[in-house]
Amino acid sequence: MLLLQSRYGIYLIEQEQVTILHPDASEIQEYEYEDTQLAMGHATVSYDERWIAWGSQMSSHTVLDRESNKTYEVEPESSYPHCAAFSRDNQVVWFNACHFYNGVTIQVPLANILDRKQEEEWPIMDENARVYAMVEIEAGMVIGDAYGYLYCINREGQTFGRYG
């Protein structure tokens, strides 16, 4: 499996099959897009390869469960989906959505995504950063923001250290 994210779309490549994940092919036809150039496109795969998360400025946060082949939409807490990362234990996905150089990062437990009610809100982990990169270490999720800072947030939302 190969996940390819480019300014022209997000593609899942498996064996001899290529599937466009975003933008959705029906959206391209419905809105008569001349091209599929994405702003703020991002995509990631869980460590066990069961889950794929993606988004762009023109979408919600999206999660595909490859086991059931079902797709789930998660509404962003800020204007534009900007970044996603899975925890190393494959239990949680973190999503950031930005507005100018600020943003909001939420934590979505994957076990709960299947039963989520639309009015339910996900835990907010950070309300300041436009996030460019995330990776989990033992202490928590390390976040790299638009101002050049790195900091770590644990799953309870506590921030540890700030470098930059």
Protein backbone atom coordinates (compact mmCIF):
# COMPACT_ATOMS: atom_id res chain seq x y z
CA MET A 1 0.00 0.00 0.00
CA LEU A 2 1.17 3.51 -0.84
CA LEU A 3 -0.58 6.74 0.17
CA LEU A 4 0.26 9.59 -2.20
CA GLN A 5 -0.63 13.17 -1.27
CA SER A 6 0.01 15.85 -3.85
CA ARG A 7 -1.48 19.17 -4.82
CA TYR A 8 -3.57 17.26 -7.39
CA GLY A 9 -5.23 14.93 -4.89
CA ILE A 10 -4.78 12.20 -2.34
CA TYR A 11 -4.45 8.70 -3.78
CA LEU A 12 -4.36 5.19 -2.34
CA ILE A 13 -2.23 2.87 -4.46
CA GLU A 14 -2.54 -0.88 -3.88
CA GLN A 15 -1.15 -3.59 -6.17
CA GLU A 16 -2.45 -2.52 -9.59
CA GLN A 17 -5.30 -0.33 -8.33
CA VAL A 18 -5.27 3.44 -7.81
CA THR A 19 -8.12 5.05 -5.83
CA ILE A 20 -8.56 8.80 -5.47
CA LEU A 21 -9.53 9.50 -1.87
CA HIS A 22 -9.75 13.28 -2.11
CA PRO A 23 -11.28 15.17 -3.69
CA ASP A 24 -14.10 12.72 -4.14
CA ALA A 25 -14.62 11.88 -7.82
CA SER A 26 -18.34 12.73 -7.57
CA GLU A 27 -17.44 16.21 -6.21
CA ILE A 28 -15.17 16.79 -9.18
CA GLN A 29 -18.05 16.01 -11.56
CA GLU A 30 -20.75 17.80 -9.52
CA TYR A 31 -18.81 21.04 -9.14
CA GLU A 32 -17.15 20.74 -12.56
CA TYR A 33 -13.67 21.32 -11.16
CA GLU A 34 -11.16 22.05 -13.88
CA ASP A 35 -8.44 20.48 -11.78
CA THR A 36 -8.02 18.97 -8.33
CA GLN A 37 -5.40 21.28 -6.90
CA LEU A 38 -5.62 21.05 -3.13
CA ALA A 39 -4.73 23.74 -0.62
CA MET A 40 -3.39 22.44 2.69
CA GLY A 41 -3.72 18.81 1.61
CA HIS A 42 -2.55 16.24 4.13
CA ALA A 43 -2.82 12.48 4.62
CA THR A 44 -1.53 9.85 7.02
CA VAL A 45 -1.80 6.11 7.69
CA SER A 46 -2.08 4.48 11.12
CA TYR A 47 0.85 2.33 12.18
CA ASP A 48 -1.22 -0.86 11.78
CA GLU A 49 -2.41 0.38 8.33
CA ARG A 50 -6.08 -0.06 9.30
CA TRP A 51 -6.92 3.66 9.28
CA ILE A 52 -6.22 6.45 6.79
CA ALA A 53 -6.87 10.10 7.65
CA TRP A 54 -6.85 13.05 5.27
CA GLY A 55 -8.20 16.49 4.56
CA SER A 56 -7.65 19.81 2.82
CA GLN A 57 -8.87 23.38 2.94
CA MET A 58 -12.03 22.34 1.07
CA SER A 59 -12.99 19.36 3.26
CA SER A 60 -13.77 18.03 6.68
CA HIS A 61 -11.30 15.80 8.46
CA THR A 62 -11.87 12.36 6.95
CA VAL A 63 -11.06 8.91 8.31
CA LEU A 64 -11.26 5.65 6.35
CA ASP A 65 -11.54 2.37 8.25
CA ARG A 66 -9.89 -0.03 5.79
CA GLU A 67 -11.26 -3.02 7.74
CA SER A 68 -14.91 -2.09 7.10
CA ASN A 69 -14.21 0.18 4.09
CA LYS A 70 -16.31 2.92 5.74
CA THR A 71 -15.47 6.60 5.68
CA TYR A 72 -16.19 8.98 8.58
CA GLU A 73 -16.29 12.78 8.56
CA VAL A 74 -15.06 14.77 11.56
CA GLU A 75 -15.92 18.47 11.49
CA PRO A 76 -12.93 20.73 12.16
CA GLU A 77 -12.86 22.97 15.25
CA SER A 78 -11.35 25.83 13.23
CA SER A 79 -11.70 26.93 9.61
CA TYR A 80 -9.43 24.70 7.53
CA PRO A 81 -8.19 21.13 8.11
CA HIS A 82 -4.42 21.31 8.06
CA CYS A 83 -2.69 18.28 9.65
CA ALA A 84 -3.36 14.77 11.01
CA ALA A 85 -1.37 12.16 12.94
CA PHE A 86 -2.09 8.76 14.50
CA SER A 87 -0.90 7.59 17.88
CA ARG A 88 1.64 4.76 17.87
CA ASP A 89 -0.86 2.40 19.54
CA ASN A 90 -3.41 3.00 16.73
CA GLN A 91 -6.05 4.14 19.22
CA VAL A 92 -6.23 7.89 18.53
CA VAL A 93 -5.98 10.32 15.62
CA TRP A 94 -5.17 13.99 16.19
CA PHE A 95 -6.48 16.61 13.76
CA ASN A 96 -5.49 20.25 13.42
CA ALA A 97 -7.50 22.89 11.61
CA CYS A 98 -6.13 26.38 11.13
CA HIS A 99 -7.27 29.94 10.66
CA PHE A 100 -4.43 32.19 9.50
CA TYR A 101 -1.47 31.27 11.76
CA ASN A 102 -3.57 29.94 14.63
CA GLY A 103 -5.59 26.76 14.92
CA VAL A 104 -7.24 24.11 17.04
CA THR A 105 -6.08 20.52 17.54
CA ILE A 106 -8.54 17.80 18.55
CA GLN A 107 -8.02 14.20 19.66
CA VAL A 108 -10.37 11.56 18.23
CA PRO A 109 -10.41 8.07 19.80
CA LEU A 110 -10.85 5.69 16.86
CA ALA A 111 -13.01 3.28 18.88
CA ASN A 112 -15.50 6.12 19.43
CA ILE A 113 -15.61 7.37 15.86
CA LEU A 114 -18.02 4.61 14.89
CA ASP A 115 -20.63 5.64 17.51
CA ARG A 116 -20.20 9.42 17.46
CA LYS A 117 -23.26 11.60 17.57
CA GLN A 118 -23.09 14.75 15.43
CA GLU A 119 -23.59 17.07 18.41
CA GLU A 120 -20.78 15.43 20.42
CA GLU A 121 -17.49 17.32 20.58
CA TRP A 122 -14.01 15.79 20.59
CA PRO A 123 -11.45 16.78 23.25
CA ILE A 124 -9.51 19.93 22.34
CA MET A 125 -5.79 19.42 22.91
CA ASP A 126 -4.53 22.85 21.78
CA GLU A 127 -6.27 26.09 20.78
CA ASN A 128 -3.34 28.13 19.49
CA ALA A 129 -1.24 26.42 16.85
CA ARG A 130 -1.38 26.07 13.12
CA VAL A 131 0.30 22.68 13.01
CA TYR A 132 2.66 21.59 10.25
CA ALA A 133 3.88 18.30 11.71
CA MET A 134 2.99 15.88 14.51
CA VAL A 135 4.58 12.68 15.79
CA GLU A 136 3.96 10.75 18.99
CA ILE A 137 6.73 9.96 21.45
CA GLU A 138 6.41 8.29 24.87
CA ALA A 139 5.52 11.59 26.64
CA GLY A 140 2.82 12.57 24.11
CA MET A 141 2.30 14.17 20.71
CA VAL A 142 5.10 16.47 19.55
CA ILE A 143 3.68 19.34 17.54
CA GLY A 144 5.54 21.65 15.16
CA ASP A 145 3.70 24.93 14.59
CA ALA A 146 3.70 27.79 12.08
CA TYR A 147 5.85 29.96 14.34
CA GLY A 148 8.66 27.39 14.42
CA TYR A 149 7.98 26.03 17.91
CA LEU A 150 7.99 22.39 18.97
CA TYR A 151 6.08 21.26 22.03
CA CYS A 152 4.63 18.07 23.45
CA ILE A 153 1.03 17.51 24.57
CA ASN A 154 -0.04 14.34 26.38
CA ARG A 155 -3.42 12.65 25.86
CA GLU A 156 -4.88 14.55 28.84
CA GLY A 157 -4.08 17.87 27.13
CA GLN A 158 -1.12 18.89 29.31
CA THR A 159 1.70 20.68 27.51
CA PHE A 160 5.30 19.71 28.28
CA GLY A 161 8.18 21.89 27.10
CA ARG A 162 8.36 24.37 24.28
CA TYR A 163 11.35 24.73 21.98
CA GLY A 164 11.96 27.21 19.22
